[in-house]
Amino acid sequence: FLFVGSLAHRPNRLAADFLLAEVWPRLRSVLPTAELVLAGRGFDDYLASRSPVAGVSAPGFVPDLAPLFASSSLFLAPLPEGGGIKIKILEALARGIPVVTTPVGAEGILENKDGAAWISACDASFTDAVLKAAHDPAEAAARAARGRRLMEEKFGWASIARRLVAIYEGA
C-alpha cells in the first residue's frame, strides 16, 4: 500500500497518524504480510521518531514516484481535511492504481457513483474499504480502469482543450 505527501502539510500528518493508529493494526491482523510505504518529505523522520511499526517504511522524499506506484496494489489517502484538488489522487488514478480515499480526498475529482475508487469516512469504515479492495483484486482492477478512464475524460488534454475553447468562444 502507498501513501504520498509532505509531512509539513497538516492533512498529510493527520492521515498518517490515522493510518498508523487506526488502520494499520487492523489491516496487519488480517493481512500479516502487508506493507505500507509513507513517501514524502519528512516521513522518514516521522517514522524514525515512533516505535517501530511492522510492515511500514518511510523513504522520505522520493524524486521519482513511478517505481513506488508501480509496486503498489492500493493507494491510500485517508485525508480528514484539506482544500482543492488532491494531486496525489489524480496521479494514482491516472497511473491506474486502485484508490481508497475519503470524501475530502475525492473532492472535485470523483464521486462514489463513479465507481472509480473506494470513498469512505475517516473512521473504522475506511479500514473496511481497504480490506474490501485488498480482498477483491478483480474489483480493484475494474475500479482502477474506471479511474484511469475518468482521468482521461475529465483531466486529459482533449478535455482541457474543449473547456478552454468553450471559454474562449464565450468571451
N, C-alpha and C. Protein backbone atom coordinates (compact mmCIF):
# COMPACT_ATOMS: atom_id res chain seq x y z
N PHE A 1 0.85 -1.18 0.00
CA PHE A 1 0.00 0.00 0.00
C PHE A 1 0.88 1.23 0.00
N LEU A 2 0.40 2.32 -0.54
CA LEU A 2 1.19 3.54 -0.68
C LEU A 2 0.39 4.75 -0.23
N PHE A 3 1.07 5.63 0.50
CA PHE A 3 0.56 6.96 0.82
C PHE A 3 1.65 7.94 0.45
N VAL A 4 1.29 9.04 -0.21
CA VAL A 4 2.25 10.04 -0.65
C VAL A 4 1.83 11.41 -0.14
N GLY A 5 2.79 12.18 0.34
CA GLY A 5 2.51 13.55 0.75
C GLY A 5 3.66 14.13 1.55
N SER A 6 3.62 15.41 1.74
CA SER A 6 4.61 16.09 2.57
C SER A 6 4.09 16.16 4.00
N LEU A 7 4.93 15.78 4.93
CA LEU A 7 4.53 15.80 6.33
C LEU A 7 4.28 17.23 6.82
N ALA A 8 4.85 18.22 6.16
CA ALA A 8 4.66 19.61 6.56
C ALA A 8 3.21 20.07 6.37
N HIS A 9 2.46 19.36 5.56
CA HIS A 9 1.05 19.70 5.30
C HIS A 9 0.18 18.95 6.31
N ARG A 10 -0.52 19.69 7.15
CA ARG A 10 -1.29 19.12 8.26
C ARG A 10 -2.21 17.95 7.85
N PRO A 11 -2.97 18.06 6.76
CA PRO A 11 -3.83 16.92 6.39
C PRO A 11 -3.04 15.63 6.16
N ASN A 12 -1.82 15.72 5.64
CA ASN A 12 -1.00 14.53 5.43
C ASN A 12 -0.55 13.93 6.77
N ARG A 13 -0.20 14.79 7.72
CA ARG A 13 0.20 14.29 9.04
C ARG A 13 -0.99 13.59 9.70
N LEU A 14 -2.17 14.22 9.63
CA LEU A 14 -3.37 13.62 10.22
C LEU A 14 -3.69 12.28 9.56
N ALA A 15 -3.53 12.22 8.24
CA ALA A 15 -3.78 10.97 7.52
C ALA A 15 -2.80 9.89 7.96
N ALA A 16 -1.52 10.25 8.08
CA ALA A 16 -0.52 9.27 8.51
C ALA A 16 -0.79 8.80 9.94
N ASP A 17 -1.13 9.73 10.82
CA ASP A 17 -1.46 9.36 12.20
C ASP A 17 -2.63 8.38 12.22
N PHE A 18 -3.65 8.67 11.42
CA PHE A 18 -4.83 7.79 11.34
C PHE A 18 -4.44 6.43 10.77
N LEU A 19 -3.64 6.42 9.71
CA LEU A 19 -3.21 5.15 9.12
C LEU A 19 -2.49 4.29 10.15
N LEU A 20 -1.53 4.89 10.86
CA LEU A 20 -0.72 4.10 11.79
C LEU A 20 -1.47 3.70 13.06
N ALA A 21 -2.33 4.57 13.57
CA ALA A 21 -3.02 4.29 14.83
C ALA A 21 -4.27 3.44 14.64
N GLU A 22 -5.03 3.69 13.57
CA GLU A 22 -6.33 3.05 13.43
C GLU A 22 -6.38 1.98 12.33
N VAL A 23 -5.85 2.30 11.18
CA VAL A 23 -5.99 1.41 10.03
C VAL A 23 -4.98 0.27 10.06
N TRP A 24 -3.73 0.61 10.23
CA TRP A 24 -2.66 -0.38 10.05
C TRP A 24 -2.72 -1.55 11.03
N PRO A 25 -2.97 -1.34 12.32
CA PRO A 25 -3.04 -2.50 13.22
C PRO A 25 -4.10 -3.52 12.79
N ARG A 26 -5.26 -3.05 12.42
CA ARG A 26 -6.33 -3.96 11.99
C ARG A 26 -5.99 -4.62 10.66
N LEU A 27 -5.42 -3.83 9.75
CA LEU A 27 -5.05 -4.38 8.45
C LEU A 27 -4.02 -5.49 8.60
N ARG A 28 -3.00 -5.23 9.39
CA ARG A 28 -1.94 -6.23 9.57
C ARG A 28 -2.45 -7.48 10.28
N SER A 29 -3.47 -7.34 11.12
CA SER A 29 -4.01 -8.53 11.78
C SER A 29 -4.72 -9.44 10.77
N VAL A 30 -5.25 -8.87 9.70
CA VAL A 30 -5.93 -9.63 8.66
C VAL A 30 -4.96 -9.99 7.53
N LEU A 31 -4.06 -9.07 7.21
CA LEU A 31 -3.07 -9.25 6.13
C LEU A 31 -1.67 -9.13 6.72
N PRO A 32 -1.17 -10.17 7.38
CA PRO A 32 0.09 -10.05 8.13
C PRO A 32 1.34 -9.76 7.30
N THR A 33 1.26 -9.96 5.98
CA THR A 33 2.44 -9.66 5.16
C THR A 33 2.32 -8.32 4.43
N ALA A 34 1.24 -7.60 4.69
CA ALA A 34 1.03 -6.31 4.01
C ALA A 34 2.14 -5.33 4.38
N GLU A 35 2.44 -4.47 3.42
CA GLU A 35 3.45 -3.42 3.62
C GLU A 35 2.84 -2.09 3.24
N LEU A 36 3.22 -1.07 4.01
CA LEU A 36 2.78 0.30 3.78
C LEU A 36 3.99 1.18 3.60
N VAL A 37 3.99 1.98 2.55
CA VAL A 37 5.06 2.95 2.31
C VAL A 37 4.47 4.35 2.47
N LEU A 38 5.08 5.13 3.36
CA LEU A 38 4.73 6.54 3.55
C LEU A 38 5.83 7.33 2.84
N ALA A 39 5.53 7.82 1.65
CA ALA A 39 6.54 8.51 0.85
C ALA A 39 6.30 10.01 0.89
N GLY A 40 7.35 10.75 1.09
CA GLY A 40 7.24 12.19 1.06
C GLY A 40 8.15 12.85 2.07
N ARG A 41 8.43 14.09 1.81
CA ARG A 41 9.33 14.86 2.66
C ARG A 41 8.87 14.82 4.13
N GLY A 42 9.79 14.41 5.00
CA GLY A 42 9.54 14.40 6.44
C GLY A 42 9.06 13.08 7.00
N PHE A 43 8.56 12.18 6.16
CA PHE A 43 8.04 10.93 6.70
C PHE A 43 9.13 9.99 7.21
N ASP A 44 10.34 10.13 6.69
CA ASP A 44 11.44 9.30 7.22
C ASP A 44 11.70 9.65 8.69
N ASP A 45 11.79 10.94 9.00
CA ASP A 45 11.99 11.37 10.39
C ASP A 45 10.76 11.05 11.25
N TYR A 46 9.59 11.22 10.69
CA TYR A 46 8.33 10.94 11.39
C TYR A 46 8.30 9.48 11.85
N LEU A 47 8.60 8.58 10.95
CA LEU A 47 8.55 7.16 11.29
C LEU A 47 9.69 6.79 12.25
N ALA A 48 10.87 7.38 12.06
CA ALA A 48 12.01 7.10 12.92
C ALA A 48 11.75 7.55 14.35
N SER A 49 10.91 8.56 14.55
CA SER A 49 10.65 9.09 15.89
C SER A 49 9.59 8.28 16.64
N ARG A 50 9.00 7.30 15.99
CA ARG A 50 7.96 6.48 16.60
C ARG A 50 8.52 5.10 16.94
N SER A 51 7.76 4.38 17.74
CA SER A 51 8.11 2.97 17.96
C SER A 51 8.01 2.27 16.63
N PRO A 52 8.86 1.28 16.40
CA PRO A 52 8.80 0.57 15.11
C PRO A 52 7.39 0.02 14.84
N VAL A 53 6.97 0.17 13.60
CA VAL A 53 5.65 -0.32 13.18
C VAL A 53 5.89 -1.38 12.11
N ALA A 54 5.50 -2.61 12.41
CA ALA A 54 5.75 -3.72 11.50
C ALA A 54 5.11 -3.47 10.14
N GLY A 55 5.91 -3.68 9.10
CA GLY A 55 5.41 -3.56 7.74
C GLY A 55 5.33 -2.16 7.19
N VAL A 56 5.80 -1.16 7.94
CA VAL A 56 5.73 0.22 7.47
C VAL A 56 7.13 0.76 7.22
N SER A 57 7.31 1.39 6.07
CA SER A 57 8.58 2.05 5.76
C SER A 57 8.29 3.47 5.29
N ALA A 58 9.30 4.31 5.42
CA ALA A 58 9.16 5.71 5.02
C ALA A 58 10.47 6.18 4.41
N PRO A 59 10.55 6.16 3.09
CA PRO A 59 11.80 6.56 2.43
C PRO A 59 12.07 8.06 2.44
N GLY A 60 11.11 8.87 2.91
CA GLY A 60 11.28 10.32 2.85
C GLY A 60 10.98 10.83 1.46
N PHE A 61 11.66 11.93 1.09
CA PHE A 61 11.45 12.50 -0.24
C PHE A 61 11.92 11.51 -1.29
N VAL A 62 11.09 11.29 -2.31
CA VAL A 62 11.40 10.38 -3.40
C VAL A 62 11.33 11.18 -4.70
N PRO A 63 12.46 11.35 -5.39
CA PRO A 63 12.46 12.18 -6.60
C PRO A 63 11.62 11.61 -7.75
N ASP A 64 11.46 10.30 -7.79
CA ASP A 64 10.67 9.66 -8.85
C ASP A 64 9.75 8.63 -8.20
N LEU A 65 8.46 8.95 -8.17
CA LEU A 65 7.48 8.07 -7.51
C LEU A 65 7.05 6.89 -8.39
N ALA A 66 7.44 6.88 -9.65
CA ALA A 66 6.98 5.85 -10.58
C ALA A 66 7.21 4.43 -10.05
N PRO A 67 8.40 4.10 -9.53
CA PRO A 67 8.60 2.73 -9.04
C PRO A 67 7.70 2.39 -7.84
N LEU A 68 7.45 3.37 -6.97
CA LEU A 68 6.56 3.11 -5.83
C LEU A 68 5.13 2.87 -6.30
N PHE A 69 4.66 3.68 -7.23
CA PHE A 69 3.32 3.47 -7.76
C PHE A 69 3.24 2.11 -8.45
N ALA A 70 4.26 1.77 -9.23
CA ALA A 70 4.26 0.51 -9.98
C ALA A 70 4.23 -0.71 -9.07
N SER A 71 4.80 -0.59 -7.89
CA SER A 71 4.86 -1.75 -6.99
C SER A 71 3.72 -1.76 -5.96
N SER A 72 2.80 -0.82 -6.05
CA SER A 72 1.72 -0.72 -5.07
C SER A 72 0.43 -1.34 -5.62
N SER A 73 -0.26 -2.05 -4.75
CA SER A 73 -1.54 -2.63 -5.15
C SER A 73 -2.70 -1.71 -4.80
N LEU A 74 -2.50 -0.81 -3.84
CA LEU A 74 -3.53 0.15 -3.44
C LEU A 74 -2.89 1.47 -3.04
N PHE A 75 -3.57 2.55 -3.37
CA PHE A 75 -3.15 3.87 -2.93
C PHE A 75 -4.13 4.31 -1.85
N LEU A 76 -3.62 4.64 -0.68
CA LEU A 76 -4.45 5.03 0.45
C LEU A 76 -4.30 6.52 0.71
N ALA A 77 -5.41 7.22 0.86
CA ALA A 77 -5.38 8.65 1.14
C ALA A 77 -6.52 9.00 2.09
N PRO A 78 -6.36 8.66 3.38
CA PRO A 78 -7.42 8.96 4.35
C PRO A 78 -7.35 10.40 4.85
N LEU A 79 -7.56 11.32 3.94
CA LEU A 79 -7.44 12.74 4.27
C LEU A 79 -8.68 13.22 5.02
N PRO A 80 -8.51 13.69 6.26
CA PRO A 80 -9.66 14.13 7.04
C PRO A 80 -10.04 15.59 6.76
N GLU A 81 -9.12 16.33 6.17
CA GLU A 81 -9.36 17.74 5.88
C GLU A 81 -8.47 18.15 4.73
N GLY A 82 -8.72 19.33 4.21
CA GLY A 82 -7.89 19.85 3.12
C GLY A 82 -8.77 20.58 2.12
N GLY A 83 -8.15 21.29 1.24
CA GLY A 83 -8.87 22.05 0.23
C GLY A 83 -8.28 21.80 -1.14
N GLY A 84 -9.06 22.06 -2.14
CA GLY A 84 -8.58 21.94 -3.51
C GLY A 84 -8.50 20.50 -3.98
N ILE A 85 -8.12 20.35 -5.22
CA ILE A 85 -7.98 19.03 -5.81
C ILE A 85 -6.68 18.40 -5.31
N LYS A 86 -6.75 17.16 -4.93
CA LYS A 86 -5.59 16.45 -4.39
C LYS A 86 -4.83 15.80 -5.55
N ILE A 87 -3.70 16.37 -5.87
CA ILE A 87 -2.89 15.88 -6.99
C ILE A 87 -2.52 14.41 -6.79
N LYS A 88 -2.27 14.01 -5.54
CA LYS A 88 -1.89 12.62 -5.27
C LYS A 88 -2.97 11.65 -5.73
N ILE A 89 -4.24 12.04 -5.59
CA ILE A 89 -5.35 11.19 -6.03
C ILE A 89 -5.38 11.14 -7.56
N LEU A 90 -5.24 12.32 -8.19
CA LEU A 90 -5.19 12.36 -9.65
C LEU A 90 -4.07 11.47 -10.18
N GLU A 91 -2.90 11.56 -9.56
CA GLU A 91 -1.76 10.80 -10.04
C GLU A 91 -2.00 9.30 -9.91
N ALA A 92 -2.51 8.87 -8.76
CA ALA A 92 -2.77 7.44 -8.58
C ALA A 92 -3.80 6.93 -9.59
N LEU A 93 -4.88 7.68 -9.76
CA LEU A 93 -5.90 7.27 -10.73
C LEU A 93 -5.34 7.25 -12.15
N ALA A 94 -4.59 8.27 -12.50
CA ALA A 94 -4.01 8.34 -13.84
C ALA A 94 -3.03 7.19 -14.10
N ARG A 95 -2.39 6.72 -13.05
CA ARG A 95 -1.45 5.60 -13.19
C ARG A 95 -2.15 4.24 -13.12
N GLY A 96 -3.47 4.27 -12.93
CA GLY A 96 -4.22 3.02 -12.90
C GLY A 96 -4.06 2.24 -11.61
N ILE A 97 -3.82 2.94 -10.50
CA ILE A 97 -3.69 2.30 -9.20
C ILE A 97 -5.03 2.41 -8.48
N PRO A 98 -5.56 1.32 -7.93
CA PRO A 98 -6.80 1.42 -7.16
C PRO A 98 -6.61 2.35 -5.96
N VAL A 99 -7.63 3.16 -5.68
CA VAL A 99 -7.56 4.20 -4.65
C VAL A 99 -8.63 3.99 -3.59
N VAL A 100 -8.22 4.15 -2.34
CA VAL A 100 -9.16 4.23 -1.22
C VAL A 100 -8.91 5.59 -0.58
N THR A 101 -9.94 6.42 -0.55
CA THR A 101 -9.79 7.77 -0.02
C THR A 101 -11.05 8.18 0.74
N THR A 102 -11.06 9.40 1.17
CA THR A 102 -12.18 9.98 1.91
C THR A 102 -12.94 10.94 1.00
N PRO A 103 -14.10 11.41 1.44
CA PRO A 103 -14.80 12.43 0.64
C PRO A 103 -13.93 13.67 0.41
N VAL A 104 -13.11 14.03 1.38
CA VAL A 104 -12.19 15.18 1.22
C VAL A 104 -11.18 14.88 0.12
N GLY A 105 -10.63 13.68 0.10
CA GLY A 105 -9.66 13.29 -0.92
C GLY A 105 -10.26 13.26 -2.32
N ALA A 106 -11.54 12.91 -2.40
CA ALA A 106 -12.21 12.78 -3.69
C ALA A 106 -12.78 14.09 -4.21
N GLU A 107 -12.83 15.13 -3.36
CA GLU A 107 -13.43 16.41 -3.73
C GLU A 107 -12.94 16.92 -5.08
N GLY A 108 -13.89 17.25 -5.95
CA GLY A 108 -13.56 17.84 -7.23
C GLY A 108 -13.00 16.85 -8.25
N ILE A 109 -12.89 15.58 -7.87
CA ILE A 109 -12.30 14.58 -8.76
C ILE A 109 -13.32 13.51 -9.13
N LEU A 110 -13.90 12.89 -8.11
CA LEU A 110 -14.82 11.79 -8.36
C LEU A 110 -15.83 11.67 -7.23
N GLU A 111 -16.84 10.84 -7.48
CA GLU A 111 -17.88 10.59 -6.50
C GLU A 111 -18.06 9.08 -6.39
N ASN A 112 -18.72 8.64 -5.32
CA ASN A 112 -18.98 7.21 -5.14
C ASN A 112 -19.66 6.60 -6.35
N LYS A 113 -20.60 7.33 -6.94
CA LYS A 113 -21.37 6.80 -8.07
C LYS A 113 -20.49 6.49 -9.28
N ASP A 114 -19.29 7.09 -9.35
CA ASP A 114 -18.37 6.84 -10.46
C ASP A 114 -17.80 5.42 -10.40
N GLY A 115 -17.76 4.84 -9.20
CA GLY A 115 -17.21 3.50 -9.04
C GLY A 115 -15.74 3.41 -9.42
N ALA A 116 -15.03 4.53 -9.33
CA ALA A 116 -13.63 4.57 -9.73
C ALA A 116 -12.67 4.46 -8.55
N ALA A 117 -13.21 4.48 -7.34
CA ALA A 117 -12.38 4.38 -6.13
C ALA A 117 -13.31 4.01 -4.99
N TRP A 118 -12.73 3.63 -3.89
CA TRP A 118 -13.50 3.44 -2.67
C TRP A 118 -13.41 4.75 -1.90
N ILE A 119 -14.56 5.32 -1.56
CA ILE A 119 -14.60 6.57 -0.83
C ILE A 119 -15.29 6.29 0.50
N SER A 120 -14.57 6.55 1.58
CA SER A 120 -15.07 6.20 2.89
C SER A 120 -14.67 7.25 3.91
N ALA A 121 -15.45 7.35 4.97
CA ALA A 121 -15.14 8.30 6.04
C ALA A 121 -13.83 7.92 6.72
N CYS A 122 -13.29 8.87 7.45
CA CYS A 122 -12.04 8.66 8.19
C CYS A 122 -12.39 8.04 9.55
N ASP A 123 -12.86 6.80 9.50
CA ASP A 123 -13.21 6.07 10.71
C ASP A 123 -13.00 4.58 10.41
N ALA A 124 -13.59 3.71 11.20
CA ALA A 124 -13.39 2.27 11.00
C ALA A 124 -13.83 1.81 9.62
N SER A 125 -14.77 2.52 9.01
CA SER A 125 -15.23 2.12 7.67
C SER A 125 -14.12 2.27 6.63
N PHE A 126 -13.14 3.12 6.90
CA PHE A 126 -12.02 3.27 5.96
C PHE A 126 -11.25 1.96 5.89
N THR A 127 -10.96 1.38 7.05
CA THR A 127 -10.25 0.10 7.08
C THR A 127 -11.08 -0.97 6.38
N ASP A 128 -12.39 -0.97 6.59
CA ASP A 128 -13.27 -1.92 5.91
C ASP A 128 -13.12 -1.78 4.39
N ALA A 129 -13.08 -0.55 3.91
CA ALA A 129 -12.94 -0.31 2.47
C ALA A 129 -11.59 -0.82 1.96
N VAL A 130 -10.53 -0.60 2.73
CA VAL A 130 -9.20 -1.08 2.32
C VAL A 130 -9.21 -2.61 2.25
N LEU A 131 -9.82 -3.25 3.24
CA LEU A 131 -9.88 -4.71 3.24
C LEU A 131 -10.71 -5.23 2.07
N LYS A 132 -11.82 -4.57 1.76
CA LYS A 132 -12.62 -4.95 0.59
C LYS A 132 -11.77 -4.88 -0.67
N ALA A 133 -11.07 -3.78 -0.82
CA ALA A 133 -10.23 -3.59 -2.01
C ALA A 133 -9.12 -4.64 -2.08
N ALA A 134 -8.51 -4.93 -0.94
CA ALA A 134 -7.41 -5.89 -0.91
C ALA A 134 -7.89 -7.32 -1.18
N HIS A 135 -9.10 -7.63 -0.78
CA HIS A 135 -9.61 -8.99 -0.93
C HIS A 135 -10.31 -9.24 -2.26
N ASP A 136 -10.48 -8.22 -3.07
CA ASP A 136 -11.16 -8.39 -4.35
C ASP A 136 -10.34 -7.75 -5.47
N PRO A 137 -9.27 -8.44 -5.89
CA PRO A 137 -8.39 -7.87 -6.92
C PRO A 137 -9.11 -7.57 -8.24
N ALA A 138 -10.12 -8.36 -8.57
CA ALA A 138 -10.85 -8.10 -9.82
C ALA A 138 -11.60 -6.78 -9.73
N GLU A 139 -12.26 -6.54 -8.60
CA GLU A 139 -12.96 -5.26 -8.41
C GLU A 139 -11.97 -4.11 -8.35
N ALA A 140 -10.83 -4.33 -7.69
CA ALA A 140 -9.80 -3.29 -7.62
C ALA A 140 -9.32 -2.92 -9.02
N ALA A 141 -9.10 -3.93 -9.85
CA ALA A 141 -8.65 -3.68 -11.23
C ALA A 141 -9.73 -2.94 -12.02
N ALA A 142 -10.99 -3.33 -11.82
CA ALA A 142 -12.09 -2.66 -12.54
C ALA A 142 -12.20 -1.20 -12.11
N ARG A 143 -12.10 -0.95 -10.81
CA ARG A 143 -12.16 0.44 -10.34
C ARG A 143 -10.97 1.25 -10.84
N ALA A 144 -9.80 0.63 -10.84
CA ALA A 144 -8.61 1.32 -11.34
C ALA A 144 -8.78 1.70 -12.81
N ALA A 145 -9.35 0.79 -13.60
CA ALA A 145 -9.59 1.08 -15.02
C ALA A 145 -10.60 2.21 -15.18
N ARG A 146 -11.66 2.19 -14.36
CA ARG A 146 -12.63 3.29 -14.42
C ARG A 146 -11.98 4.61 -13.99
N GLY A 147 -11.11 4.54 -12.99
CA GLY A 147 -10.40 5.74 -12.54
C GLY A 147 -9.51 6.31 -13.62
N ARG A 148 -8.80 5.44 -14.30
CA ARG A 148 -7.92 5.87 -15.40
C ARG A 148 -8.74 6.53 -16.50
N ARG A 149 -9.87 5.90 -16.86
CA ARG A 149 -10.76 6.45 -17.89
C ARG A 149 -11.31 7.81 -17.46
N LEU A 150 -11.70 7.91 -16.20
CA LEU A 150 -12.22 9.17 -15.66
C LEU A 150 -11.17 10.28 -15.76
N MET A 151 -9.93 9.95 -15.47
CA MET A 151 -8.85 10.95 -15.57
C MET A 151 -8.71 11.44 -17.01
N GLU A 152 -8.77 10.51 -17.95
CA GLU A 152 -8.66 10.90 -19.35
C GLU A 152 -9.84 11.79 -19.77
N GLU A 153 -11.06 11.40 -19.34
CA GLU A 153 -12.25 12.14 -19.73
C GLU A 153 -12.34 13.52 -19.09
N LYS A 154 -11.98 13.63 -17.82
CA LYS A 154 -12.15 14.90 -17.10
C LYS A 154 -10.90 15.76 -17.07
N PHE A 155 -9.72 15.13 -17.08
CA PHE A 155 -8.49 15.89 -16.87
C PHE A 155 -7.45 15.70 -17.97
N GLY A 156 -7.78 14.96 -19.02
CA GLY A 156 -6.86 14.76 -20.13
C GLY A 156 -6.76 16.02 -20.99
N TRP A 157 -5.76 16.06 -21.86
CA TRP A 157 -5.54 17.24 -22.70
C TRP A 157 -6.73 17.55 -23.58
N ALA A 158 -7.37 16.53 -24.13
CA ALA A 158 -8.52 16.77 -25.01
C ALA A 158 -9.66 17.44 -24.24
N SER A 159 -9.89 16.98 -23.02
CA SER A 159 -10.93 17.57 -22.18
C SER A 159 -10.60 19.02 -21.82
N ILE A 160 -9.37 19.25 -21.48
CA ILE A 160 -8.93 20.61 -21.12
C ILE A 160 -9.07 21.54 -22.33
N ALA A 161 -8.65 21.04 -23.49
CA ALA A 161 -8.74 21.86 -24.71
C ALA A 161 -10.20 22.21 -25.02
N ARG A 162 -11.11 21.24 -24.88
CA ARG A 162 -12.54 21.52 -25.13
C ARG A 162 -13.06 22.60 -24.18
N ARG A 163 -12.70 22.51 -22.92
CA ARG A 163 -13.16 23.51 -21.95
C ARG A 163 -12.57 24.89 -22.25
N LEU A 164 -11.30 24.93 -22.64
CA LEU A 164 -10.67 26.22 -22.98
C LEU A 164 -11.32 26.84 -24.22
N VAL A 165 -11.59 26.00 -25.22
CA VAL A 165 -12.25 26.51 -26.43
C VAL A 165 -13.61 27.09 -26.07
N ALA A 166 -14.35 26.41 -25.23
CA ALA A 166 -15.68 26.91 -24.81
C ALA A 166 -15.55 28.23 -24.08
N ILE A 167 -14.53 28.38 -23.26
CA ILE A 167 -14.30 29.64 -22.54
C ILE A 167 -13.97 30.75 -23.53
N TYR A 168 -13.06 30.47 -24.48
CA TYR A 168 -12.67 31.48 -25.46
C TYR A 168 -13.85 31.87 -26.34
N GLU A 169 -14.64 30.88 -26.75
CA GLU A 169 -15.78 31.20 -27.62
C GLU A 169 -16.84 31.98 -26.86
N GLY A 170 -16.93 31.79 -25.56
CA GLY A 170 -17.90 32.52 -24.75
C GLY A 170 -17.45 33.91 -24.38
N ALA A 171 -16.18 34.22 -24.58
CA ALA A 171 -15.64 35.53 -24.18
C ALA A 171 -15.91 36.59 -25.21
